[in-house]
Amino acid sequence: MSDWKVFHGDRLPHDELGTLPDPPPWRFSRPPIALVRPEGLVLDAERSRAEPFIPSSGMIIAVNAALYLRRPLLLTGRPGTGKSSLISKVAYELKLGRVIRWPINSRSTVRSGVYEYDAVGRLQAGGNPPVEGFLTLGPLGTALMAPSWPKALLVDEIDKSDLDFANDLLNVIEEGYYEIPELRRLEVQTARVRDFFGEMITIQGGRLQSGQFPFVVMTSNAEREFPPPFLRRCVRLNIDPPGTKELTRIIDSHLRKFAATLSAAAVASLIADFEKRRNENQEVATDQLLNAVFLTVAMHDSQARSFTADELTMLRDNLFRQLSGPPV
């Protein structure tokens, strides 16, 4: 029996993305375009982030659901639970190229995510220079320009946006296009502009038109709730903090080159301390544990780099300081 999943989370880059069926009939009003990977795509761009990351079974199921349904994946959880790392794993395994990363803050707008237009710069240039020379696509605009192969877009910490941002964003992604008034108004039929990575692309008729639905991951630290119309258009997954076994696997995966020097007892002691703090409702993240293991275990060498007991205690307390609330 064949496996329905195209993303497995433990494989080298492969071409199974090309076996995805067409989107559900209610997702797009235009005929689907066949999946064809473009030549020259940088396939191992996310390799260094992807290889150490171990996705959970819940992550794997949610990713595949989002791929089949052409829906954004909304990941919610504490900082350091792997929300922003998952997309690198997907992009690497499914050969999506570089992840387009869009960090969100209270001033973020959908328009600025689509494109930026330097009207002042064009005015100062004098004469009547072409508009496209002063227009640059943002992360969302670059993700939309995917004619035959989806791009990977990370919308990081979307809960930091204003109240209207989430719905406005999904409206653009759902429709799969965006019209740029500066180009439409001047009736520019063909424009060459730079995308988010500085590469030149061609825009026809002033419209960004997505041929393939981008693989979109939106992360949230659960700082606020989202409205039901937004949530129903996402595949959602809440990521729980990793337990002892998962933490051990994460450490082994990230620090495998130091396997010969990793003391199992020292690692277990750090994990126990980390989990004790977490159980006391201190907000600590997995990368803090990785920092502590790297500095006080992997780099420990009785001949070249040794620590006193007091130094080890001070380092551990410093690296495990909670992320919010009064210092502990």
Protein backbone atom coordinates (compact mmCIF):
# COMPACT_ATOMS: atom_id res chain seq x y z
CA MET A 1 0.00 0.00 0.00
CA SER A 2 1.41 3.40 -0.97
CA ASP A 3 1.78 6.14 1.62
CA TRP A 4 -0.50 9.16 1.17
CA LYS A 5 2.09 11.53 2.61
CA VAL A 6 4.43 13.52 0.39
CA PHE A 7 6.33 15.01 3.34
CA HIS A 8 7.78 12.38 5.64
CA GLY A 9 10.12 14.41 7.83
CA ASP A 10 12.99 11.92 7.73
CA ARG A 11 13.99 11.71 4.08
CA LEU A 12 16.56 13.28 1.82
CA PRO A 13 15.24 15.72 -0.83
CA HIS A 14 12.89 13.91 -3.19
CA ASP A 15 10.38 14.59 -5.96
CA GLU A 16 7.15 13.33 -4.38
CA LEU A 17 5.70 16.85 -4.30
CA GLY A 18 5.10 16.43 -8.02
CA THR A 19 2.61 13.65 -7.24
CA LEU A 20 0.19 15.98 -5.44
CA PRO A 21 -3.30 15.90 -6.96
CA ASP A 22 -5.03 19.08 -8.12
CA PRO A 23 -6.38 21.37 -5.40
CA PRO A 24 -9.93 20.84 -4.09
CA PRO A 25 -12.39 22.31 -6.62
CA TRP A 26 -13.53 25.03 -4.22
CA ARG A 27 -10.01 26.37 -3.66
CA PHE A 28 -9.31 28.05 -7.01
CA SER A 29 -11.54 29.47 -9.70
CA ARG A 30 -8.93 29.01 -12.42
CA PRO A 31 -7.74 25.71 -13.93
CA PRO A 32 -4.88 24.12 -11.97
CA ILE A 33 -1.38 24.36 -13.42
CA ALA A 34 0.77 21.23 -13.55
CA LEU A 35 3.54 21.04 -10.94
CA VAL A 36 6.86 21.48 -12.73
CA ARG A 37 10.00 22.30 -10.76
CA PRO A 38 12.00 25.10 -12.43
CA GLU A 39 15.60 24.65 -13.47
CA GLY A 40 18.26 26.33 -11.37
CA LEU A 41 16.33 26.17 -8.08
CA VAL A 42 18.69 26.14 -5.09
CA LEU A 43 17.62 22.83 -3.59
CA ASP A 44 19.80 22.67 -0.47
CA ALA A 45 19.32 26.26 0.69
CA GLU A 46 17.69 25.16 3.96
CA ARG A 47 19.91 22.16 4.59
CA SER A 48 21.75 23.44 7.68
CA ARG A 49 18.49 24.31 9.43
CA ALA A 50 16.62 21.25 8.21
CA GLU A 51 18.91 18.33 8.91
CA PRO A 52 19.01 18.56 12.74
CA PHE A 53 15.29 19.24 13.10
CA ILE A 54 13.07 16.31 14.08
CA PRO A 55 9.37 16.94 13.33
CA SER A 56 6.74 15.25 15.46
CA SER A 57 4.10 12.96 13.97
CA GLY A 58 1.54 15.74 14.50
CA MET A 59 3.68 18.15 12.50
CA ILE A 60 4.03 15.65 9.65
CA ILE A 61 0.28 15.06 9.45
CA ALA A 62 -0.49 18.81 9.58
CA VAL A 63 2.05 19.63 6.86
CA ASN A 64 0.59 17.04 4.50
CA ALA A 65 -2.95 18.24 5.15
CA ALA A 66 -1.89 21.80 4.31
CA LEU A 67 -0.16 20.62 1.13
CA TYR A 68 -3.15 18.65 -0.12
CA LEU A 69 -5.72 21.33 0.75
CA ARG A 70 -3.53 24.28 -0.30
CA ARG A 71 -4.17 25.91 3.06
CA PRO A 72 -1.82 27.90 5.31
CA LEU A 73 -0.49 26.03 8.34
CA LEU A 74 -0.92 27.93 11.62
CA LEU A 75 1.48 26.74 14.32
CA THR A 76 0.86 27.82 17.90
CA GLY A 77 3.10 27.16 20.87
CA ARG A 78 5.71 28.48 23.23
CA PRO A 79 8.94 30.02 21.90
CA GLY A 80 11.57 27.41 21.10
CA THR A 81 9.20 24.56 20.21
CA GLY A 82 10.29 24.41 16.56
CA LYS A 83 7.53 26.48 14.96
CA SER A 84 9.82 28.42 12.63
CA SER A 85 12.16 25.46 11.98
CA LEU A 86 9.52 23.14 10.53
CA ILE A 87 9.26 25.08 7.27
CA SER A 88 12.98 24.61 6.62
CA LYS A 89 12.54 20.85 6.94
CA VAL A 90 9.65 20.91 4.46
CA ALA A 91 11.44 23.21 2.01
CA TYR A 92 14.55 21.03 2.07
CA GLU A 93 12.82 17.67 1.72
CA LEU A 94 10.36 18.82 -0.97
CA LYS A 95 12.87 20.97 -2.90
CA LEU A 96 11.04 24.28 -2.49
CA GLY A 97 14.21 26.38 -2.46
CA ARG A 98 14.94 29.17 -0.01
CA VAL A 99 12.31 29.94 2.61
CA ILE A 100 10.91 33.47 2.34
CA ARG A 101 10.92 34.75 5.91
CA TRP A 102 8.56 37.55 6.92
CA PRO A 103 8.86 38.62 10.58
CA ILE A 104 5.67 40.37 11.68
CA ASN A 105 5.30 43.35 14.03
CA SER A 106 2.55 45.83 14.90
CA ARG A 107 3.45 48.00 11.88
CA SER A 108 3.34 45.20 9.30
CA THR A 109 0.82 45.57 6.48
CA VAL A 110 -0.23 43.24 3.72
CA ARG A 111 0.63 45.86 1.10
CA SER A 112 4.22 46.22 2.36
CA GLY A 113 4.44 42.44 2.37
CA VAL A 114 3.46 42.42 -1.30
CA TYR A 115 5.61 45.28 -2.57
CA GLU A 116 7.38 48.53 -1.70
CA TYR A 117 7.30 51.55 -4.00
CA ASP A 118 9.89 54.30 -3.58
CA ALA A 119 7.87 57.25 -4.86
CA VAL A 120 10.24 59.80 -3.29
CA GLY A 121 13.24 58.21 -4.94
CA ARG A 122 11.53 58.29 -8.33
CA LEU A 123 10.63 61.95 -7.86
CA GLN A 124 14.18 62.84 -6.89
CA ALA A 125 15.54 61.00 -9.92
CA GLY A 126 13.96 63.64 -12.17
CA GLY A 127 12.46 63.20 -15.61
CA ASN A 128 10.08 60.31 -15.97
CA PRO A 129 11.98 57.11 -15.10
CA PRO A 130 10.13 53.77 -15.38
CA VAL A 131 8.06 52.94 -12.30
CA GLU A 132 9.38 49.39 -12.08
CA GLY A 133 12.87 50.66 -11.29
CA PHE A 134 11.58 51.91 -7.93
CA LEU A 135 9.36 48.96 -7.07
CA THR A 136 10.49 45.89 -5.12
CA LEU A 137 8.45 42.83 -4.21
CA GLY A 138 8.18 41.93 -0.55
CA PRO A 139 8.03 38.44 0.95
CA LEU A 140 4.34 37.89 0.20
CA GLY A 141 4.63 39.26 -3.34
CA THR A 142 7.61 37.00 -4.01
CA ALA A 143 5.70 33.97 -2.69
CA LEU A 144 2.77 34.75 -5.00
CA MET A 145 5.03 34.75 -8.06
CA ALA A 146 5.19 30.97 -8.28
CA PRO A 147 4.12 30.00 -11.81
CA SER A 148 4.59 26.22 -11.68
CA TRP A 149 6.27 25.27 -8.38
CA PRO A 150 5.20 26.45 -4.90
CA LYS A 151 7.44 28.65 -2.79
CA ALA A 152 7.78 28.45 1.00
CA LEU A 153 6.67 31.48 3.01
CA LEU A 154 7.15 31.85 6.77
CA VAL A 155 4.90 34.49 8.37
CA ASP A 156 6.59 34.63 11.75
CA GLU A 157 4.75 35.68 14.93
CA ILE A 158 1.54 36.73 13.21
CA ASP A 159 -0.06 37.39 16.60
CA LYS A 160 2.05 40.58 16.85
CA SER A 161 0.10 42.13 13.95
CA ASP A 162 -2.89 44.47 14.22
CA LEU A 163 -6.44 43.12 14.27
CA ASP A 164 -7.14 43.35 10.53
CA PHE A 165 -3.84 41.96 9.29
CA ALA A 166 -4.61 38.23 9.53
CA ASN A 167 -7.84 38.36 7.52
CA ASP A 168 -6.35 40.75 4.95
CA LEU A 169 -3.40 38.40 4.51
CA LEU A 170 -5.56 35.33 3.95
CA ASN A 171 -7.76 37.20 1.48
CA VAL A 172 -4.71 37.77 -0.73
CA ILE A 173 -3.43 34.22 -0.31
CA GLU A 174 -6.89 32.74 -0.96
CA GLU A 175 -7.35 34.68 -4.19
CA GLY A 176 -3.77 34.04 -5.29
CA TYR A 177 -3.28 37.42 -6.94
CA TYR A 178 -2.63 41.08 -6.18
CA GLU A 179 -2.86 44.09 -8.44
CA ILE A 180 -0.19 46.79 -8.13
CA PRO A 181 -1.91 50.15 -8.71
CA GLU A 182 1.29 51.94 -9.76
CA LEU A 183 1.65 49.54 -12.68
CA ARG A 184 -2.05 49.16 -13.51
CA ARG A 185 -2.62 52.91 -13.52
CA LEU A 186 0.12 53.50 -16.05
CA GLU A 187 -1.07 50.51 -18.11
CA VAL A 188 2.36 48.93 -18.00
CA GLN A 189 1.93 45.65 -19.84
CA THR A 190 5.27 44.08 -18.92
CA ALA A 191 7.46 45.13 -16.01
CA ARG A 192 10.75 43.74 -14.74
CA VAL A 193 11.14 44.17 -10.98
CA ARG A 194 13.31 42.75 -8.21
CA ASP A 195 11.83 40.22 -5.83
CA PHE A 196 12.57 39.69 -2.14
CA PHE A 197 15.87 37.97 -2.94
CA GLY A 198 16.99 40.64 -5.44
CA GLU A 199 16.29 38.51 -8.50
CA MET A 200 14.60 40.02 -11.56
CA ILE A 201 11.13 38.73 -12.42
CA THR A 202 8.50 39.72 -14.98
CA ILE A 203 5.04 41.02 -14.06
CA GLN A 204 2.31 41.00 -16.68
CA GLY A 205 -0.39 43.69 -16.70
CA GLY A 206 0.47 44.96 -13.22
CA ARG A 207 -0.86 41.81 -11.57
CA LEU A 208 0.94 39.29 -9.40
CA GLN A 209 -0.65 35.97 -10.30
CA SER A 210 0.10 32.78 -8.41
CA GLY A 211 0.14 29.64 -10.51
CA GLN A 212 0.76 27.44 -7.46
CA PHE A 213 -0.42 27.96 -3.90
CA PRO A 214 2.64 28.74 -1.76
CA PHE A 215 3.41 26.55 1.22
CA VAL A 216 2.66 29.02 4.01
CA VAL A 217 3.52 28.54 7.67
CA MET A 218 2.25 31.13 10.13
CA THR A 219 3.55 31.02 13.69
CA SER A 220 1.91 32.34 16.83
CA ASN A 221 3.03 32.48 20.45
CA ALA A 222 -0.66 32.55 21.47
CA GLU A 223 -0.45 36.16 22.62
CA ARG A 224 -3.97 36.76 21.31
CA GLU A 225 -6.88 34.92 19.74
CA PHE A 226 -7.80 34.98 16.06
CA PRO A 227 -11.34 35.33 14.65
CA PRO A 228 -13.16 32.15 13.50
CA PRO A 229 -13.21 33.21 9.78
CA PHE A 230 -9.41 33.28 9.89
CA LEU A 231 -9.05 30.01 11.77
CA ARG A 232 -11.40 28.05 9.49
CA ARG A 233 -9.17 28.84 6.52
CA CYS A 234 -6.05 27.40 8.17
CA VAL A 235 -4.77 23.98 9.06
CA ARG A 236 -3.96 24.41 12.76
CA LEU A 237 -1.54 22.69 15.09
CA ASN A 238 -0.66 23.48 18.68
CA ILE A 239 2.89 22.37 19.47
CA ASP A 240 3.41 21.09 22.98
CA PRO A 241 6.83 21.46 24.64
CA PRO A 242 9.01 18.37 24.04
CA GLY A 243 9.30 15.79 26.82
CA THR A 244 12.42 14.07 28.13
CA LYS A 245 12.78 11.57 25.28
CA GLU A 246 12.18 14.26 22.64
CA LEU A 247 14.67 16.61 24.29
CA THR A 248 17.29 13.85 24.28
CA ARG A 249 16.67 13.21 20.57
CA ILE A 250 16.88 16.94 19.80
CA ILE A 251 20.21 17.25 21.61
CA ASP A 252 21.61 14.15 19.88
CA SER A 253 20.49 15.47 16.49
CA HIS A 254 21.89 18.99 16.88
CA LEU A 255 25.13 17.99 18.59
CA ARG A 256 25.89 14.72 16.81
CA LYS A 257 29.40 15.93 15.89
CA PHE A 258 30.17 16.07 19.63
CA ALA A 259 28.83 12.59 20.34
CA ALA A 260 32.21 11.40 21.61
CA THR A 261 32.41 14.12 24.25
CA LEU A 262 28.77 14.23 25.35
CA SER A 263 28.40 12.83 28.84
CA ALA A 264 25.03 11.09 29.11
CA ALA A 265 24.89 11.81 32.84
CA ALA A 266 25.66 15.51 32.36
CA VAL A 267 23.08 15.82 29.58
CA ALA A 268 20.46 14.05 31.70
CA SER A 269 21.22 16.40 34.60
CA LEU A 270 20.70 19.46 32.39
CA ILE A 271 17.46 18.06 30.97
CA ALA A 272 16.17 17.38 34.49
CA ASP A 273 17.04 20.93 35.60
CA PHE A 274 15.42 22.36 32.46
CA GLU A 275 12.21 20.36 32.96
CA LYS A 276 12.09 21.26 36.67
CA ARG A 277 12.14 24.95 35.79
CA ARG A 278 9.51 24.41 33.12
CA ASN A 279 7.27 22.52 35.55
CA GLU A 280 7.58 25.47 37.93
CA ASN A 281 5.95 27.57 35.19
CA GLN A 282 9.16 29.30 34.25
CA GLU A 283 9.12 30.14 30.53
CA VAL A 284 12.21 28.52 29.04
CA ALA A 285 12.89 27.41 25.46
CA THR A 286 14.54 24.35 23.97
CA ASP A 287 17.34 26.38 22.39
CA GLN A 288 18.35 27.50 25.90
CA LEU A 289 18.87 23.86 26.77
CA LEU A 290 20.91 23.36 23.59
CA ASN A 291 23.07 26.34 24.53
CA ALA A 292 23.70 24.90 27.99
CA VAL A 293 24.56 21.42 26.67
CA PHE A 294 26.88 22.85 24.01
CA LEU A 295 28.75 25.17 26.34
CA THR A 296 29.00 23.08 29.50
CA VAL A 297 29.02 19.52 28.13
CA ALA A 298 30.06 19.37 24.47
CA MET A 299 32.80 21.99 24.90
CA HIS A 300 33.93 20.64 28.27
CA ASP A 301 37.45 19.23 28.16
CA SER A 302 39.30 18.38 31.33
CA GLN A 303 42.61 19.20 29.67
CA ALA A 304 41.81 22.33 27.67
CA ARG A 305 38.46 23.69 28.87
CA SER A 306 37.40 22.92 32.38
CA PHE A 307 34.84 24.56 34.64
CA THR A 308 34.66 24.83 38.38
CA ALA A 309 31.49 23.66 40.08
CA ASP A 310 30.54 27.26 40.84
CA GLU A 311 31.08 28.28 37.21
CA LEU A 312 28.88 25.44 36.00
CA THR A 313 26.12 26.49 38.38
CA MET A 314 26.37 30.15 37.32
CA LEU A 315 26.36 29.25 33.61
CA ARG A 316 23.35 26.99 34.03
CA ASP A 317 21.41 29.65 35.94
CA ASN A 318 22.33 32.29 33.37
CA LEU A 319 21.43 30.20 30.33
CA PHE A 320 18.16 28.95 31.86
CA ARG A 321 16.82 32.38 32.81
CA GLN A 322 13.12 32.53 32.04
CA LEU A 323 11.98 34.48 29.01
CA SER A 324 9.23 36.50 30.65
CA GLY A 325 8.30 37.77 34.07
CA PRO A 326 10.72 38.71 36.86
CA PRO A 327 14.19 37.08 36.79
CA VAL A 328 14.43 33.84 38.76
